[in-house]
């Protein structure tokens, strides 16, 4: 595996969570924002809209993230290859 500059810069930083937990947290965050958007749609439409937009952005980013193979999560780009 080729060492990138980012990998060299962060080599000494301990990993707080593994790749699988990171993927789960990413998707849970997206779900939380989407649920919040649904819950707020009548009380505060503006907040609801921003929660939906944020949830979709997190979901889209998570779907395109190249998680390591050992995490068991594949990205959209891997499925398109």
C-alpha atoms as a PDB file:
ATOM      1  CA  UNK A   1       0.000   0.000   0.000  1.00  0.00           C
ATOM      2  CA  UNK A   2       1.325   3.377  -0.972  1.00  0.00           C
ATOM      3  CA  UNK A   3       1.909   5.811   1.885  1.00  0.00           C
ATOM      4  CA  UNK A   4       0.192   9.107   1.229  1.00  0.00           C
ATOM      5  CA  UNK A   5       1.193  12.331   2.890  1.00  0.00           C
ATOM      6  CA  UNK A   6      -1.970  12.233   5.016  1.00  0.00           C
ATOM      7  CA  UNK A   7      -1.180   8.699   6.206  1.00  0.00           C
ATOM      8  CA  UNK A   8       2.360   9.759   7.147  1.00  0.00           C
ATOM      9  CA  UNK A   9       1.065  12.825   9.009  1.00  0.00           C
ATOM     10  CA  UNK A  10      -1.500  10.836  11.006  1.00  0.00           C
ATOM     11  CA  UNK A  11       0.587   7.705  11.622  1.00  0.00           C
ATOM     12  CA  UNK A  12       1.156   8.593  15.280  1.00  0.00           C
ATOM     13  CA  UNK A  13      -2.477   9.405  16.037  1.00  0.00           C
ATOM     14  CA  UNK A  14      -4.240   6.560  17.865  1.00  0.00           C
ATOM     15  CA  UNK A  15      -7.433   5.205  16.314  1.00  0.00           C
ATOM     16  CA  UNK A  16     -10.348   5.856  18.669  1.00  0.00           C
ATOM     17  CA  UNK A  17     -12.772   3.592  16.769  1.00  0.00           C
ATOM     18  CA  UNK A  18     -12.387   0.956  14.076  1.00  0.00           C
ATOM     19  CA  UNK A  19     -13.635   1.331  10.498  1.00  0.00           C
ATOM     20  CA  UNK A  20     -16.830  -0.663  11.071  1.00  0.00           C
ATOM     21  CA  UNK A  21     -17.836   1.476  14.070  1.00  0.00           C
ATOM     22  CA  UNK A  22     -17.051   4.588  12.032  1.00  0.00           C
ATOM     23  CA  UNK A  23     -19.370   3.428   9.244  1.00  0.00           C
ATOM     24  CA  UNK A  24     -22.148   2.621  11.716  1.00  0.00           C
ATOM     25  CA  UNK A  25     -21.798   6.040  13.343  1.00  0.00           C
ATOM     26  CA  UNK A  26     -21.853   7.783   9.948  1.00  0.00           C
ATOM     27  CA  UNK A  27     -25.093   6.077   8.929  1.00  0.00           C
ATOM     28  CA  UNK A  28     -26.617   6.581  12.400  1.00  0.00           C
ATOM     29  CA  UNK A  29     -25.841  10.303  12.175  1.00  0.00           C
ATOM     30  CA  UNK A  30     -27.556  10.519   8.795  1.00  0.00           C
ATOM     31  CA  UNK A  31     -30.573   8.652  10.186  1.00  0.00           C
ATOM     32  CA  UNK A  32     -30.741  10.954  13.194  1.00  0.00           C
ATOM     33  CA  UNK A  33     -30.824  14.085  11.031  1.00  0.00           C
ATOM     34  CA  UNK A  34     -33.428  12.596   8.689  1.00  0.00           C
ATOM     35  CA  UNK A  35     -35.585  11.564  11.654  1.00  0.00           C
ATOM     36  CA  UNK A  36     -35.213  15.025  13.209  1.00  0.00           C
ATOM     37  CA  UNK A  37     -36.310  16.572   9.924  1.00  0.00           C
ATOM     38  CA  UNK A  38     -39.394  14.388   9.906  1.00  0.00           C
ATOM     39  CA  UNK A  39     -40.188  15.165  13.548  1.00  0.00           C
ATOM     40  CA  UNK A  40     -39.862  18.954  13.094  1.00  0.00           C
ATOM     41  CA  UNK A  41     -41.678  19.351   9.775  1.00  0.00           C
ATOM     42  CA  UNK A  42     -44.828  20.930  11.268  1.00  0.00           C
ATOM     43  CA  UNK A  43     -43.373  22.814  14.241  1.00  0.00           C
ATOM     44  CA  UNK A  44     -40.418  24.364  12.445  1.00  0.00           C
ATOM     45  CA  UNK A  45     -40.336  23.879   8.674  1.00  0.00           C
ATOM     46  CA  UNK A  46     -37.048  25.756   8.266  1.00  0.00           C
ATOM     47  CA  UNK A  47     -35.250  23.594  10.816  1.00  0.00           C
ATOM     48  CA  UNK A  48     -36.843  20.537   9.250  1.00  0.00           C
ATOM     49  CA  UNK A  49     -35.520  21.475   5.815  1.00  0.00           C
ATOM     50  CA  UNK A  50     -32.006  22.023   7.127  1.00  0.00           C
ATOM     51  CA  UNK A  51     -32.098  18.729   9.032  1.00  0.00           C
ATOM     52  CA  UNK A  52     -33.153  16.898   5.843  1.00  0.00           C
ATOM     53  CA  UNK A  53     -30.443  18.616   3.796  1.00  0.00           C
ATOM     54  CA  UNK A  54     -27.815  17.797   6.406  1.00  0.00           C
ATOM     55  CA  UNK A  55     -29.017  14.203   6.697  1.00  0.00           C
ATOM     56  CA  UNK A  56     -28.875  13.726   2.936  1.00  0.00           C
ATOM     57  CA  UNK A  57     -25.390  15.269   2.781  1.00  0.00           C
ATOM     58  CA  UNK A  58     -24.115  12.938   5.518  1.00  0.00           C
ATOM     59  CA  UNK A  59     -25.806   9.956   3.858  1.00  0.00           C
ATOM     60  CA  UNK A  60     -24.358  10.818   0.449  1.00  0.00           C
ATOM     61  CA  UNK A  61     -20.889  11.316   1.858  1.00  0.00           C
ATOM     62  CA  UNK A  62     -21.110   8.052   3.796  1.00  0.00           C
ATOM     63  CA  UNK A  63     -22.230   6.169   0.704  1.00  0.00           C
ATOM     64  CA  UNK A  64     -19.215   7.451  -1.224  1.00  0.00           C
ATOM     65  CA  UNK A  65     -16.684   6.884   1.575  1.00  0.00           C
ATOM     66  CA  UNK A  66     -14.168   4.171   0.805  1.00  0.00           C
ATOM     67  CA  UNK A  67     -14.274   2.220   4.065  1.00  0.00           C
ATOM     68  CA  UNK A  68     -11.566  -0.462   4.454  1.00  0.00           C
ATOM     69  CA  UNK A  69     -12.596  -3.944   3.269  1.00  0.00           C
ATOM     70  CA  UNK A  70     -12.372  -5.416   6.770  1.00  0.00           C
ATOM     71  CA  UNK A  71     -15.194  -3.108   7.878  1.00  0.00           C
ATOM     72  CA  UNK A  72     -17.683  -5.076   5.792  1.00  0.00           C
ATOM     73  CA  UNK A  73     -19.183  -1.871   4.352  1.00  0.00           C
ATOM     74  CA  UNK A  74     -18.915  -1.179   0.632  1.00  0.00           C
ATOM     75  CA  UNK A  75     -19.300   2.187  -1.026  1.00  0.00           C
ATOM     76  CA  UNK A  76     -21.478   3.103  -3.983  1.00  0.00           C
ATOM     77  CA  UNK A  77     -18.366   3.631  -6.129  1.00  0.00           C
ATOM     78  CA  UNK A  78     -17.227   0.041  -5.416  1.00  0.00           C
ATOM     79  CA  UNK A  79     -20.575  -1.311  -6.586  1.00  0.00           C
ATOM     80  CA  UNK A  80     -20.367   0.694  -9.810  1.00  0.00           C
ATOM     81  CA  UNK A  81     -16.966  -0.747 -10.801  1.00  0.00           C
END
